[in-house]
N, C-alpha and C. Protein backbone atom coordinates (compact mmCIF):
# COMPACT_ATOMS: atom_id res chain seq x y z
N MET A 1 66.29 -4.25 -15.84
CA MET A 1 66.14 -5.67 -15.62
C MET A 1 64.67 -5.95 -15.30
N LEU A 2 64.08 -6.91 -15.99
CA LEU A 2 62.68 -7.24 -15.79
C LEU A 2 62.55 -8.35 -14.76
N ASN A 3 61.65 -8.17 -13.86
CA ASN A 3 61.37 -9.18 -12.86
C ASN A 3 60.24 -10.07 -13.38
N SER A 4 60.29 -11.36 -13.13
CA SER A 4 59.27 -12.27 -13.64
C SER A 4 57.92 -12.04 -12.96
N LYS A 5 57.90 -11.42 -11.81
CA LYS A 5 56.64 -11.14 -11.12
C LYS A 5 55.94 -9.91 -11.69
N GLN A 6 56.62 -9.15 -12.55
CA GLN A 6 56.03 -7.94 -13.12
C GLN A 6 55.38 -8.20 -14.48
N THR A 7 55.23 -9.43 -14.88
CA THR A 7 54.58 -9.71 -16.16
C THR A 7 53.08 -9.44 -16.04
N ASN A 8 52.45 -9.28 -17.16
CA ASN A 8 51.03 -8.95 -17.18
C ASN A 8 50.22 -10.18 -16.78
N PRO A 9 49.44 -10.12 -15.70
CA PRO A 9 48.69 -11.29 -15.26
C PRO A 9 47.52 -11.65 -16.19
N LYS A 10 47.07 -10.72 -17.03
CA LYS A 10 45.96 -11.00 -17.92
C LYS A 10 46.36 -11.94 -19.07
N VAL A 11 47.62 -11.98 -19.38
CA VAL A 11 48.08 -12.74 -20.53
C VAL A 11 48.01 -14.24 -20.27
N LYS A 12 48.24 -14.68 -19.06
CA LYS A 12 48.32 -16.11 -18.80
C LYS A 12 46.96 -16.80 -18.74
N TYR A 13 45.85 -16.08 -18.77
CA TYR A 13 44.53 -16.69 -18.67
C TYR A 13 43.81 -16.78 -20.01
N TRP A 14 44.48 -16.47 -21.11
CA TRP A 14 43.80 -16.49 -22.41
C TRP A 14 43.37 -17.90 -22.78
N GLY A 15 44.11 -18.90 -22.39
CA GLY A 15 43.78 -20.28 -22.72
C GLY A 15 42.53 -20.78 -22.02
N VAL A 16 42.20 -20.18 -20.88
CA VAL A 16 40.99 -20.59 -20.16
C VAL A 16 39.75 -20.07 -20.89
N TRP A 17 39.82 -18.87 -21.42
CA TRP A 17 38.65 -18.25 -22.06
C TRP A 17 38.55 -18.56 -23.54
N LEU A 18 39.53 -19.21 -24.10
CA LEU A 18 39.51 -19.49 -25.54
C LEU A 18 38.34 -20.38 -25.97
N PRO A 19 37.97 -21.44 -25.23
CA PRO A 19 36.85 -22.27 -25.68
C PRO A 19 35.47 -21.64 -25.47
N VAL A 20 35.37 -20.57 -24.74
CA VAL A 20 34.07 -19.98 -24.42
C VAL A 20 33.32 -19.52 -25.67
N PRO A 21 33.92 -18.78 -26.60
CA PRO A 21 33.16 -18.41 -27.81
C PRO A 21 32.78 -19.61 -28.65
N THR A 22 33.62 -20.63 -28.65
CA THR A 22 33.29 -21.84 -29.41
C THR A 22 32.08 -22.53 -28.81
N LEU A 23 32.03 -22.67 -27.51
CA LEU A 23 30.87 -23.29 -26.86
C LEU A 23 29.61 -22.46 -27.06
N LEU A 24 29.74 -21.15 -26.99
CA LEU A 24 28.58 -20.30 -27.23
C LEU A 24 28.07 -20.44 -28.66
N ALA A 25 28.97 -20.55 -29.61
CA ALA A 25 28.56 -20.72 -31.00
C ALA A 25 27.86 -22.06 -31.21
N ILE A 26 28.36 -23.12 -30.58
CA ILE A 26 27.73 -24.44 -30.71
C ILE A 26 26.34 -24.42 -30.09
N LEU A 27 26.21 -23.86 -28.90
CA LEU A 27 24.91 -23.79 -28.25
C LEU A 27 23.93 -22.93 -29.05
N ASN A 28 24.42 -21.84 -29.60
CA ASN A 28 23.58 -20.96 -30.39
C ASN A 28 23.07 -21.67 -31.64
N SER A 29 23.95 -22.38 -32.33
CA SER A 29 23.52 -23.08 -33.53
C SER A 29 22.57 -24.23 -33.20
N LEU A 30 22.80 -24.93 -32.09
CA LEU A 30 21.88 -25.99 -31.70
C LEU A 30 20.50 -25.44 -31.34
N PHE A 31 20.48 -24.31 -30.66
CA PHE A 31 19.20 -23.69 -30.31
C PHE A 31 18.41 -23.29 -31.55
N TRP A 32 19.07 -22.62 -32.49
CA TRP A 32 18.34 -22.17 -33.68
C TRP A 32 17.92 -23.34 -34.55
N THR A 33 18.73 -24.38 -34.62
CA THR A 33 18.33 -25.57 -35.36
C THR A 33 17.12 -26.22 -34.72
N TRP A 34 17.12 -26.34 -33.41
CA TRP A 34 15.98 -26.91 -32.70
C TRP A 34 14.74 -26.06 -32.90
N LEU A 35 14.88 -24.75 -32.79
CA LEU A 35 13.74 -23.85 -32.92
C LEU A 35 13.14 -23.92 -34.32
N ILE A 36 13.98 -23.92 -35.33
CA ILE A 36 13.47 -23.97 -36.71
C ILE A 36 12.80 -25.30 -36.97
N LEU A 37 13.39 -26.38 -36.52
CA LEU A 37 12.79 -27.69 -36.76
C LEU A 37 11.48 -27.86 -36.01
N LYS A 38 11.38 -27.31 -34.81
CA LYS A 38 10.13 -27.39 -34.06
C LYS A 38 9.06 -26.50 -34.68
N THR A 39 9.44 -25.33 -35.17
CA THR A 39 8.48 -24.39 -35.73
C THR A 39 7.95 -24.88 -37.07
N VAL A 40 8.84 -25.34 -37.92
CA VAL A 40 8.42 -25.77 -39.25
C VAL A 40 7.78 -27.15 -39.18
N GLY A 41 8.24 -27.98 -38.27
CA GLY A 41 7.63 -29.27 -38.06
C GLY A 41 8.16 -30.39 -38.92
N TYR A 42 9.42 -30.39 -39.21
CA TYR A 42 10.02 -31.44 -40.02
C TYR A 42 10.46 -32.61 -39.16
N ARG A 43 9.56 -33.17 -38.41
CA ARG A 43 9.90 -34.34 -37.60
C ARG A 43 9.97 -35.59 -38.49
N GLU A 44 9.08 -35.67 -39.45
CA GLU A 44 9.05 -36.79 -40.38
C GLU A 44 9.22 -36.22 -41.79
N ASN A 45 9.53 -37.07 -42.72
CA ASN A 45 9.72 -36.60 -44.08
C ASN A 45 8.39 -36.08 -44.64
N PRO A 46 8.30 -34.81 -44.98
CA PRO A 46 7.02 -34.24 -45.40
C PRO A 46 6.55 -34.77 -46.75
N VAL A 47 7.48 -35.16 -47.63
CA VAL A 47 7.07 -35.63 -48.94
C VAL A 47 6.36 -36.97 -48.83
N GLU A 48 6.90 -37.86 -48.03
CA GLU A 48 6.27 -39.17 -47.87
C GLU A 48 4.90 -39.05 -47.19
N ASN A 49 4.78 -38.13 -46.25
CA ASN A 49 3.51 -37.95 -45.55
C ASN A 49 2.47 -37.30 -46.45
N ALA A 50 2.90 -36.41 -47.32
CA ALA A 50 1.96 -35.69 -48.17
C ALA A 50 1.54 -36.53 -49.37
N ALA A 51 2.29 -37.55 -49.72
CA ALA A 51 2.00 -38.31 -50.94
C ALA A 51 0.62 -38.96 -50.87
N GLN A 52 0.26 -39.54 -49.76
CA GLN A 52 -1.03 -40.23 -49.66
C GLN A 52 -2.19 -39.25 -49.76
N SER A 53 -2.09 -38.10 -49.14
CA SER A 53 -3.18 -37.13 -49.24
C SER A 53 -3.29 -36.55 -50.64
N ILE A 54 -2.19 -36.40 -51.34
CA ILE A 54 -2.24 -35.91 -52.73
C ILE A 54 -2.92 -36.95 -53.62
N ILE A 55 -2.57 -38.21 -53.43
CA ILE A 55 -3.19 -39.27 -54.22
C ILE A 55 -4.69 -39.35 -53.92
N ASP A 56 -5.07 -39.20 -52.67
CA ASP A 56 -6.49 -39.25 -52.30
C ASP A 56 -7.29 -38.11 -52.91
N ASN A 57 -6.65 -36.94 -53.06
CA ASN A 57 -7.35 -35.79 -53.64
C ASN A 57 -7.62 -35.99 -55.13
N PHE A 58 -6.81 -36.77 -55.80
CA PHE A 58 -7.01 -36.98 -57.23
C PHE A 58 -7.64 -38.34 -57.46
C-alpha cells in the first residue's frame, strides 16, 4: 500500500522551473540582438544615409 506522503517531492516542483529556460533564452536573444546592433551600428537605415555621400562622390 502506497502512502501519499511517500511520493517523490522533486516531481511537484517541475512547473516552477519550467519557465526558467524560456526566460533565459529570451534574455540571451535580446542581449545578442542588442550587441550586434550596437556593434554594427544599424541605428538608422544605412542605405538612406549612404546615398548622399555616394552622390557627392560622383
